[in-house]
Amino acid sequence: MLDGEKTRTQTVLVKAFAIIPLVALVAAVPVAWGWGLGWIDVGIALFFYTLTCLGITVGFHRHFTHGAFKANRGLRIALAVTGSMAMQGPVIGWVADHRRHHAYADKEGDPHSPWLYGTTPGALAKGFIHAHMGWLFDREQTNARRFAPDLLADADIRRVDRLFPALSVVTLLAPAVIGGLATVSWWGAATAFFWASLVRVSLLHHVTWSVNSICHMLGERPFDARDKSTNFWPLAVASMGESWHNSHHADPTCARHGVQRGQVDISARVIWALEKLGWATQVRWPTAERLARKLKSSPAGA
């Protein structure tokens, strides 16, 4: 338990918000299988989910936001493009928001802390909704000149930032085109558009938003951090390592978030491969000394 911050009712509410929509999606799969969903749709969806998720985790987050590694020009542009295709906003705005989150984590000024309204069940529900997606509808916009001046000074990144609407069209239409060509049918294009475009984008959104909401409310806190970030293992694979969030907040510039034994971090393995290829350099890998300094003497969970 996080120092008495959550009651049993609060924990049940957060888990319900997290699990029920996913269960509903899973339940829809057997209903649609064979007439509105097939292996081609699954394959296309998995490919675009993996591509765009890594664009966010490796690109927008670990590279652009935190500088966990240096990238050559081609990789840098590719990461900006694939991250944009996740439809989570243009790269400069995304990075500015996330840097502001770290600057004010779980305090006033954090754009998406779930702890802004209190700890009663009603306040928790309001905070969860705000952290998960409600903050996206706030009128306040993060000052990019303050939080992302390096990206504003990069002509390549400014160009990709401006192309966000076009890249959004590409990420929605490309699966439909591939599905239509693979099946030689309009129906194949339609089902690929539904599952590999709409459902895929929505699922990735909710996985990313869950790091903002769930990973500041439920999970373990083995490392010292200035906020309420947690490690939440059920999201590790879907988020490609981003849900080891307490580890990340304890050492934000580290290229690997799953730093303890058995913690799956697909994004870190991709960065490792990019380093071996020579495309990524100056990678900030964790060291035993730094981990020992940040590890709590008696880990607590929630």
Protein backbone atom coordinates (compact mmCIF):
# COMPACT_ATOMS: atom_id res chain seq x y z
CA MET A 1 0.00 0.00 0.00
CA LEU A 2 1.33 3.47 -0.87
CA ASP A 3 1.58 4.91 2.64
CA GLY A 4 -2.17 4.62 3.18
CA GLU A 5 -3.03 6.66 0.11
CA LYS A 6 -5.63 4.27 -1.30
CA THR A 7 -8.52 2.45 0.32
CA ARG A 8 -9.85 -0.88 -0.93
CA THR A 9 -12.74 0.96 -2.64
CA GLN A 10 -10.33 3.26 -4.44
CA THR A 11 -8.23 0.32 -5.64
CA VAL A 12 -11.31 -1.52 -6.92
CA LEU A 13 -12.47 1.59 -8.82
CA VAL A 14 -9.13 2.07 -10.57
CA LYS A 15 -8.91 -1.60 -11.52
CA ALA A 16 -12.47 -1.49 -12.88
CA PHE A 17 -11.65 1.54 -15.07
CA ALA A 18 -8.57 -0.27 -16.35
CA ILE A 19 -9.99 -3.76 -16.92
CA ILE A 20 -13.62 -3.40 -18.08
CA PRO A 21 -12.90 -1.66 -21.44
CA LEU A 22 -10.18 -4.23 -22.25
CA VAL A 23 -12.50 -7.12 -21.39
CA ALA A 24 -15.17 -5.64 -23.66
CA LEU A 25 -12.68 -5.48 -26.55
CA VAL A 26 -11.52 -9.06 -25.99
CA ALA A 27 -15.15 -10.24 -25.84
CA ALA A 28 -15.80 -8.65 -29.24
CA VAL A 29 -13.06 -10.69 -30.94
CA PRO A 30 -14.80 -14.13 -31.00
CA VAL A 31 -18.06 -12.48 -32.03
CA ALA A 32 -16.41 -10.86 -35.04
CA TRP A 33 -14.03 -13.72 -35.93
CA GLY A 34 -14.64 -15.21 -39.34
CA TRP A 35 -16.85 -12.49 -40.78
CA GLY A 36 -15.40 -9.17 -39.58
CA LEU A 37 -11.98 -10.21 -38.33
CA GLY A 38 -9.30 -12.56 -39.64
CA TRP A 39 -5.61 -13.31 -39.41
CA ILE A 40 -4.75 -10.68 -42.02
CA ASP A 41 -6.43 -8.02 -39.88
CA VAL A 42 -4.59 -9.28 -36.80
CA GLY A 43 -1.24 -9.27 -38.58
CA ILE A 44 -1.67 -5.75 -39.97
CA ALA A 45 -2.88 -4.47 -36.58
CA LEU A 46 0.07 -6.01 -34.73
CA PHE A 47 2.54 -4.56 -37.24
CA PHE A 48 1.18 -1.01 -37.01
CA TYR A 49 0.70 -1.24 -33.23
CA THR A 50 4.33 -2.29 -32.78
CA LEU A 51 5.65 0.32 -35.22
CA THR A 52 3.74 3.25 -33.76
CA CYS A 53 4.12 2.16 -30.14
CA LEU A 54 7.90 2.04 -30.55
CA GLY A 55 7.71 5.43 -32.25
CA ILE A 56 6.25 6.74 -28.99
CA THR A 57 8.31 4.76 -26.47
CA VAL A 58 11.72 4.75 -28.15
CA GLY A 59 11.23 7.98 -30.12
CA PHE A 60 8.97 10.55 -28.51
CA HIS A 61 9.70 9.42 -24.94
CA ARG A 62 13.18 8.00 -24.43
CA HIS A 63 14.96 9.85 -27.25
CA PHE A 64 13.25 13.21 -27.77
CA THR A 65 11.95 13.86 -24.25
CA HIS A 66 14.76 12.48 -22.10
CA GLY A 67 17.79 12.15 -24.38
CA ALA A 68 18.42 8.57 -23.28
CA PHE A 69 20.47 8.10 -26.46
CA LYS A 70 21.70 10.02 -29.48
CA ALA A 71 20.31 9.10 -32.91
CA ASN A 72 21.72 9.71 -36.37
CA ARG A 73 19.67 11.98 -38.60
CA GLY A 74 17.83 9.20 -40.45
CA LEU A 75 16.81 7.41 -37.24
CA ARG A 76 15.80 10.68 -35.59
CA ILE A 77 13.46 11.55 -38.47
CA ALA A 78 12.10 7.99 -38.62
CA LEU A 79 11.31 8.04 -34.89
CA ALA A 80 9.55 11.39 -35.22
CA VAL A 81 7.48 10.07 -38.15
CA THR A 82 6.47 6.73 -36.57
CA GLY A 83 5.68 8.42 -33.25
CA SER A 84 3.46 10.91 -35.06
CA MET A 85 1.64 7.99 -36.68
CA ALA A 86 0.42 6.96 -33.22
CA MET A 87 -1.92 9.99 -33.45
CA GLN A 88 -1.06 11.22 -29.96
CA GLY A 89 -0.25 14.71 -31.18
CA PRO A 90 2.65 16.40 -32.96
CA VAL A 91 6.11 15.56 -31.65
CA ILE A 92 7.00 18.99 -30.22
CA GLY A 93 3.78 19.34 -28.24
CA TRP A 94 4.00 15.74 -26.99
CA VAL A 95 7.55 16.24 -25.73
CA ALA A 96 6.76 19.60 -24.12
CA ASP A 97 3.81 18.07 -22.24
CA HIS A 98 5.89 15.17 -20.99
CA ARG A 99 8.79 17.32 -19.87
CA ARG A 100 6.32 19.48 -17.94
CA HIS A 101 4.92 16.31 -16.37
CA HIS A 102 8.36 15.41 -15.04
CA ALA A 103 9.05 18.95 -13.87
CA TYR A 104 5.88 19.01 -11.74
CA ALA A 105 5.10 15.30 -11.30
CA ASP A 106 2.00 14.86 -9.10
CA LYS A 107 2.08 18.53 -8.10
CA GLU A 108 0.24 21.59 -9.33
CA GLY A 109 1.48 22.20 -12.86
CA ASP A 110 1.56 18.52 -13.83
CA PRO A 111 -0.72 18.32 -16.89
CA HIS A 112 -2.03 14.84 -16.03
CA SER A 113 -1.64 13.90 -12.38
CA PRO A 114 -4.50 11.74 -11.00
CA TRP A 115 -4.01 13.23 -7.51
CA LEU A 116 -5.28 16.76 -8.11
CA TYR A 117 -8.74 16.34 -6.55
CA GLY A 118 -8.18 14.32 -3.37
CA THR A 119 -8.42 10.69 -2.29
CA THR A 120 -12.15 10.07 -1.77
CA PRO A 121 -13.76 7.59 -4.21
CA GLY A 122 -15.38 10.44 -6.14
CA ALA A 123 -12.16 12.47 -6.24
CA LEU A 124 -10.22 9.38 -7.30
CA ALA A 125 -12.63 8.71 -10.18
CA LYS A 126 -12.38 12.34 -11.29
CA GLY A 127 -8.60 12.26 -10.99
CA PHE A 128 -8.34 9.01 -12.94
CA ILE A 129 -10.45 10.37 -15.80
CA HIS A 130 -8.43 13.59 -15.83
CA ALA A 131 -5.08 11.77 -15.86
CA HIS A 132 -6.20 9.18 -18.38
CA MET A 133 -7.66 11.45 -21.05
CA GLY A 134 -9.51 14.41 -19.55
CA TRP A 135 -6.37 16.56 -19.53
CA LEU A 136 -6.29 16.39 -23.33
CA PHE A 137 -9.38 18.62 -23.42
CA ASP A 138 -7.91 21.35 -21.19
CA ARG A 139 -7.50 24.69 -22.90
CA GLU A 140 -4.09 25.27 -21.35
CA GLN A 141 -1.24 24.47 -23.70
CA THR A 142 2.31 23.70 -22.62
CA ASN A 143 4.81 26.40 -23.60
CA ALA A 144 7.05 24.65 -26.14
CA ARG A 145 9.58 27.50 -26.09
CA ARG A 146 10.16 26.76 -22.42
CA PHE A 147 9.98 22.97 -22.42
CA ALA A 148 11.16 21.98 -25.93
CA PRO A 149 13.45 24.72 -27.31
CA ASP A 150 15.85 22.08 -28.69
CA LEU A 151 13.14 20.60 -30.92
CA LEU A 152 11.97 24.03 -32.07
CA ALA A 153 15.54 24.68 -33.18
CA ASP A 154 15.66 21.44 -35.24
CA ALA A 155 14.44 22.04 -38.81
CA ASP A 156 13.82 18.31 -39.46
CA ILE A 157 11.66 17.95 -36.36
CA ARG A 158 9.72 21.16 -37.08
CA ARG A 159 8.96 19.77 -40.54
CA VAL A 160 7.69 16.45 -39.17
CA ASP A 161 5.68 18.37 -36.56
CA ARG A 162 3.89 20.29 -39.32
CA LEU A 163 3.20 17.04 -41.19
CA PHE A 164 1.20 15.57 -38.30
CA PRO A 165 -2.21 15.86 -40.08
CA ALA A 166 -0.84 14.13 -43.20
CA LEU A 167 0.80 11.39 -41.13
CA SER A 168 -2.50 10.84 -39.31
CA VAL A 169 -4.17 10.22 -42.66
CA VAL A 170 -1.40 7.80 -43.63
CA THR A 171 -1.66 5.79 -40.39
CA LEU A 172 -5.41 5.40 -40.88
CA LEU A 173 -5.46 4.63 -44.60
CA ALA A 174 -2.32 2.46 -44.97
CA PRO A 175 -3.81 -0.56 -43.10
CA ALA A 176 -6.94 -0.39 -45.25
CA VAL A 177 -4.89 -0.29 -48.45
CA ILE A 178 -2.77 -3.26 -47.31
CA GLY A 179 -5.86 -5.21 -46.23
CA GLY A 180 -7.61 -4.53 -49.50
CA LEU A 181 -4.62 -5.58 -51.58
CA ALA A 182 -3.99 -8.70 -49.48
CA THR A 183 -7.58 -9.91 -49.82
CA VAL A 184 -8.31 -8.30 -53.21
CA SER A 185 -11.58 -7.01 -51.77
CA TRP A 186 -13.26 -3.91 -50.40
CA TRP A 187 -14.41 -5.97 -47.41
CA GLY A 188 -10.79 -6.77 -46.56
CA ALA A 189 -10.01 -3.06 -46.73
CA ALA A 190 -12.96 -2.26 -44.46
CA THR A 191 -12.11 -4.84 -41.79
CA ALA A 192 -8.43 -3.85 -41.82
CA PHE A 193 -9.46 -0.20 -41.43
CA PHE A 194 -11.63 -1.07 -38.43
CA TRP A 195 -9.19 -3.33 -36.56
CA ALA A 196 -5.75 -2.15 -37.72
CA SER A 197 -6.60 1.54 -37.92
CA LEU A 198 -9.40 2.51 -35.53
CA VAL A 199 -9.08 -0.21 -32.86
CA ARG A 200 -5.28 -0.20 -33.01
CA VAL A 201 -5.01 3.57 -32.55
CA SER A 202 -7.59 3.52 -29.75
CA LEU A 203 -5.90 0.64 -27.93
CA LEU A 204 -2.48 2.30 -28.12
CA HIS A 205 -3.98 5.55 -26.84
CA HIS A 206 -5.43 3.83 -23.80
CA VAL A 207 -2.21 1.92 -23.08
CA THR A 208 -0.23 5.18 -23.23
CA TRP A 209 -2.80 7.04 -21.14
CA SER A 210 -2.76 4.20 -18.60
CA VAL A 211 0.88 5.01 -17.88
CA ASN A 212 -0.30 8.52 -16.92
CA SER A 213 -3.18 7.28 -14.78
CA ILE A 214 -2.74 3.72 -13.49
CA CYS A 215 1.05 4.00 -13.18
CA HIS A 216 0.62 6.86 -10.73
CA MET A 217 -2.00 5.03 -8.67
CA LEU A 218 -1.46 1.25 -8.57
CA GLY A 219 1.66 -0.87 -8.43
CA GLU A 220 5.01 -1.13 -6.69
CA ARG A 221 7.43 1.63 -5.73
CA PRO A 222 10.83 -0.02 -5.27
CA PHE A 223 12.76 3.15 -6.14
CA ASP A 224 12.92 6.57 -4.53
CA ALA A 225 11.09 9.16 -6.63
CA ARG A 226 9.72 12.61 -5.84
CA ASP A 227 6.21 11.58 -6.93
CA LYS A 228 3.71 8.73 -6.76
CA SER A 229 4.86 6.87 -9.89
CA THR A 230 4.58 3.08 -9.75
CA ASN A 231 5.69 -0.05 -11.59
CA PHE A 232 2.61 -1.86 -12.93
CA TRP A 233 3.65 -5.19 -14.47
CA PRO A 234 0.38 -6.14 -16.29
CA LEU A 235 1.02 -3.33 -18.81
CA ALA A 236 4.69 -4.15 -19.42
CA VAL A 237 4.28 -5.97 -22.75
CA ALA A 238 1.51 -3.79 -24.22
CA SER A 239 3.42 -0.61 -23.28
CA MET A 240 6.73 -2.13 -24.40
CA GLY A 241 8.36 -1.39 -21.06
CA GLU A 242 6.83 1.98 -20.25
CA SER A 243 4.83 0.71 -17.27
CA TRP A 244 8.00 0.31 -15.20
CA HIS A 245 7.18 3.91 -14.40
CA ASN A 246 8.58 4.22 -10.89
CA SER A 247 11.95 3.02 -12.17
CA HIS A 248 11.72 5.62 -14.94
CA HIS A 249 10.82 8.52 -12.64
CA ALA A 250 13.68 7.58 -10.33
CA ASP A 251 16.13 7.78 -13.27
CA PRO A 252 14.40 9.60 -16.17
CA THR A 253 17.29 9.66 -18.65
CA CYS A 254 17.97 5.92 -18.42
CA ALA A 255 17.36 4.04 -21.69
CA ARG A 256 16.03 0.96 -19.86
CA HIS A 257 12.97 1.23 -17.61
CA GLY A 258 12.67 -2.44 -16.67
CA VAL A 259 15.89 -2.49 -14.70
CA GLN A 260 15.20 -5.38 -12.31
CA ARG A 261 15.37 -9.11 -12.99
CA GLY A 262 12.45 -10.43 -15.06
CA GLN A 263 11.13 -7.00 -16.07
CA VAL A 264 10.27 -7.11 -19.78
CA ASP A 265 11.30 -3.95 -21.63
CA ILE A 266 10.91 -4.37 -25.39
CA SER A 267 11.81 -0.73 -26.05
CA ALA A 268 15.18 -1.17 -24.34
CA ARG A 269 15.92 -4.21 -26.51
CA VAL A 270 15.13 -2.16 -29.62
CA ILE A 271 17.49 0.58 -28.44
CA TRP A 272 20.14 -2.09 -27.83
CA ALA A 273 19.71 -3.32 -31.42
CA LEU A 274 19.89 0.24 -32.77
CA GLU A 275 23.10 0.74 -30.83
CA LYS A 276 24.58 -2.45 -32.30
CA LEU A 277 23.71 -1.17 -35.78
CA GLY A 278 25.50 2.08 -35.02
CA TRP A 279 22.36 4.19 -35.47
CA ALA A 280 22.04 4.99 -31.75
CA THR A 281 25.01 6.20 -29.72
CA GLN A 282 25.79 7.47 -26.21
CA VAL A 283 23.08 5.23 -24.78
CA ARG A 284 22.48 5.83 -21.08
CA TRP A 285 22.28 2.27 -19.77
CA PRO A 286 21.67 1.67 -16.04
CA THR A 287 24.62 0.97 -13.78
CA ALA A 288 24.65 -1.11 -10.61
CA GLU A 289 25.94 1.85 -8.58
CA ARG A 290 23.19 4.21 -9.71
CA LEU A 291 20.48 1.59 -9.13
CA ALA A 292 21.78 0.88 -5.64
CA ARG A 293 21.59 4.57 -4.73
CA LYS A 294 18.00 4.88 -5.89
CA LEU A 295 16.64 1.56 -4.57
CA LYS A 296 14.59 1.75 -1.39
CA SER A 297 15.80 -0.30 1.53
CA SER A 298 12.35 -1.93 1.89
CA PRO A 299 10.27 -1.84 -1.33
CA ALA A 300 6.60 -1.07 -0.91
CA GLY A 301 3.76 -2.08 -3.20
CA ALA A 302 0.19 -1.18 -3.68
